[in-house]
Amino acid sequence: MQFLGLSGAGKTTFSLIECCFNNTHLIDSDLLYKKIYKTSIITLIDNYKEQVFRKLENTLNTVILSNQYPNTLGGGSIKNYTTLKQISSYKIITLTNTHPHSHTPITRIYNNKQLWQEREKEFKFKHTLSIKNEK
C-alpha cells in the first residue's frame, strides 16, 4: 500500500495507525532521512539546496518502492513524474491530504488515471497561483 500526499498532509500519522491496525511494517521516507542523516529534512534542504535534495529523494524513493512493505514517500514525491510512474505499478494508491479548514486527514483511494488527474490539477493550481503572485 502506498501513502502519498503533500507535505503536512498526515501521511506518517495515518499510515502508522493503518499499519498498527493491520500489524504490518511501514517504511517512511521522512523517518529514514532523520535516521540516516541524523537531522531534519528542512536542515538537509538548507544545507544542500532543494534541487540536490530532490535527487537524493528520488534515489531513496526507488529503493523504497522496490520493497513490498507499505510505505510513505515525502511530500515532494507527488510532483515527481518518475516517482509517480514507479508508483503506478501499485494496485491501490492512497492519496492523503488535509481539508483546508481542518487538520483532519481525508483519505481517498485513486486508480492510476485518477492519480494522474490529481497531479494535473495540483500542477495547474500551483501554476495559476504563481502567475497571480507575479502581477
Protein backbone atom coordinates (compact mmCIF):
# COMPACT_ATOMS: atom_id res chain seq x y z
CA MET A 1 0.00 0.00 0.00
CA GLN A 2 1.25 3.43 -0.93
CA PHE A 3 0.51 6.54 1.14
CA LEU A 4 1.03 9.66 -0.92
CA GLY A 5 0.27 13.32 -0.30
CA LEU A 6 1.73 16.79 0.01
CA SER A 7 3.88 17.86 2.95
CA GLY A 8 1.94 18.09 6.19
CA ALA A 9 -0.97 16.02 4.91
CA GLY A 10 -0.74 13.46 7.70
CA LYS A 11 0.78 10.57 5.71
CA THR A 12 3.07 9.40 8.51
CA THR A 13 0.42 9.61 11.22
CA PHE A 14 -2.29 7.92 9.17
CA SER A 15 -0.01 5.20 7.78
CA LEU A 16 1.38 4.34 11.23
CA ILE A 17 -2.16 3.89 12.55
CA GLU A 18 -3.10 1.81 9.48
CA CYS A 19 -0.01 -0.41 9.83
CA CYS A 20 -0.54 -0.90 13.58
CA PHE A 21 -4.14 -1.87 12.89
CA ASN A 22 -3.05 -4.38 10.21
CA ASN A 23 0.07 -5.49 12.12
CA THR A 24 2.46 -4.74 9.24
CA HIS A 25 5.73 -2.87 8.88
CA LEU A 26 5.97 0.62 7.40
CA ILE A 27 8.77 2.35 5.51
CA ASP A 28 8.52 6.14 5.91
CA SER A 29 10.96 8.21 3.86
CA ASP A 30 10.86 11.18 6.26
CA LEU A 31 11.83 8.95 9.18
CA LEU A 32 14.58 7.32 7.09
CA TYR A 33 16.16 10.72 6.37
CA LYS A 34 16.18 11.53 10.08
CA LYS A 35 17.71 8.14 10.91
CA ILE A 36 20.37 8.14 8.15
CA TYR A 37 21.43 11.79 8.27
CA LYS A 38 20.69 12.48 11.95
CA THR A 39 18.96 15.75 11.03
CA SER A 40 15.65 17.07 9.75
CA ILE A 41 14.64 17.32 6.10
CA ILE A 42 14.48 21.11 6.41
CA THR A 43 18.13 21.15 7.51
CA LEU A 44 19.09 18.88 4.60
CA ILE A 45 17.37 21.21 2.14
CA ASP A 46 19.00 24.27 3.75
CA ASN A 47 22.46 22.66 3.64
CA TYR A 48 22.30 21.10 0.17
CA LYS A 49 19.61 23.16 -1.61
CA GLU A 50 16.31 21.74 -2.79
CA GLN A 51 17.47 20.53 -6.22
CA VAL A 52 20.17 18.31 -4.66
CA PHE A 53 17.74 17.08 -2.01
CA ARG A 54 15.16 16.12 -4.68
CA LYS A 55 17.78 13.99 -6.48
CA LEU A 56 18.54 12.26 -3.17
CA GLU A 57 14.80 11.85 -2.57
CA ASN A 58 14.29 10.21 -5.98
CA THR A 59 17.09 7.72 -5.29
CA LEU A 60 15.65 6.83 -1.90
CA ASN A 61 12.15 6.53 -3.39
CA THR A 62 13.42 4.00 -5.94
CA VAL A 63 14.84 1.85 -3.12
CA ILE A 64 11.69 2.19 -1.01
CA LEU A 65 9.39 1.32 -3.90
CA SER A 66 11.36 -1.85 -4.64
CA ASN A 67 10.26 -3.16 -1.23
CA GLN A 68 6.95 -4.92 -0.59
CA TYR A 69 6.12 -3.13 2.68
CA PRO A 70 3.55 -0.33 2.89
CA ASN A 71 5.35 2.98 2.54
CA THR A 72 5.06 6.73 2.63
CA LEU A 73 7.12 8.99 0.44
CA GLY A 74 7.96 12.64 1.04
CA GLY A 75 5.51 15.37 0.07
CA GLY A 76 7.62 16.37 -2.94
CA SER A 77 7.21 12.92 -4.47
CA ILE A 78 3.73 13.66 -5.76
CA LYS A 79 5.23 16.33 -8.03
CA ASN A 80 7.86 14.00 -9.50
CA TYR A 81 6.98 12.27 -12.78
CA THR A 82 9.49 9.42 -12.35
CA THR A 83 8.22 8.58 -8.88
CA LEU A 84 4.58 8.67 -9.98
CA LYS A 85 5.42 6.35 -12.86
CA GLN A 86 7.03 3.89 -10.41
CA ILE A 87 4.05 4.15 -8.07
CA SER A 88 1.60 3.42 -10.89
CA SER A 89 2.56 -0.26 -10.64
CA TYR A 90 0.78 -0.40 -7.26
CA LYS A 91 -2.80 -1.65 -7.39
CA ILE A 92 -4.08 0.73 -4.72
CA ILE A 93 -2.79 4.22 -4.13
CA THR A 94 -3.94 6.20 -1.14
CA LEU A 95 -3.63 9.94 -1.52
CA THR A 96 -3.95 11.67 1.82
CA ASN A 97 -4.50 15.38 2.12
CA THR A 98 -5.78 17.78 4.74
CA HIS A 99 -9.04 19.68 4.44
CA PRO A 100 -8.24 23.43 4.26
CA HIS A 101 -10.45 24.25 7.27
CA SER A 102 -9.41 21.33 9.44
CA HIS A 103 -6.40 19.28 10.46
CA THR A 104 -8.30 16.05 9.86
CA PRO A 105 -6.77 13.83 7.16
CA ILE A 106 -9.03 12.98 4.24
CA THR A 107 -8.20 9.67 2.61
CA ARG A 108 -9.14 8.81 -0.94
CA ILE A 109 -8.37 5.69 -2.93
CA TYR A 110 -7.40 6.51 -6.51
CA ASN A 111 -6.81 4.33 -9.51
CA ASN A 112 -3.91 5.26 -11.80
CA LYS A 113 -5.96 7.52 -14.09
CA GLN A 114 -7.40 9.45 -11.14
CA LEU A 115 -3.93 9.89 -9.62
CA TRP A 116 -2.64 11.47 -12.82
CA GLN A 117 -5.70 13.75 -12.93
CA GLU A 118 -4.99 14.86 -9.34
CA ARG A 119 -1.38 15.57 -10.28
CA GLU A 120 -2.53 17.70 -13.22
CA LYS A 121 -4.97 19.64 -11.01
CA GLU A 122 -2.18 20.27 -8.48
CA PHE A 123 0.17 21.46 -11.23
CA LYS A 124 -2.45 23.79 -12.74
CA PHE A 125 -3.33 25.16 -9.29
CA LYS A 126 0.32 25.90 -8.43
CA HIS A 127 0.90 27.38 -11.88
CA THR A 128 -2.16 29.63 -11.53
CA LEU A 129 -1.04 30.79 -8.09
CA SER A 130 2.46 31.62 -9.31
CA ILE A 131 1.07 33.68 -12.20
CA LYS A 132 -1.22 35.61 -9.85
CA ASN A 133 1.65 36.28 -7.45
CA GLU A 134 3.84 37.74 -10.21
CA LYS A 135 1.36 40.53 -11.02
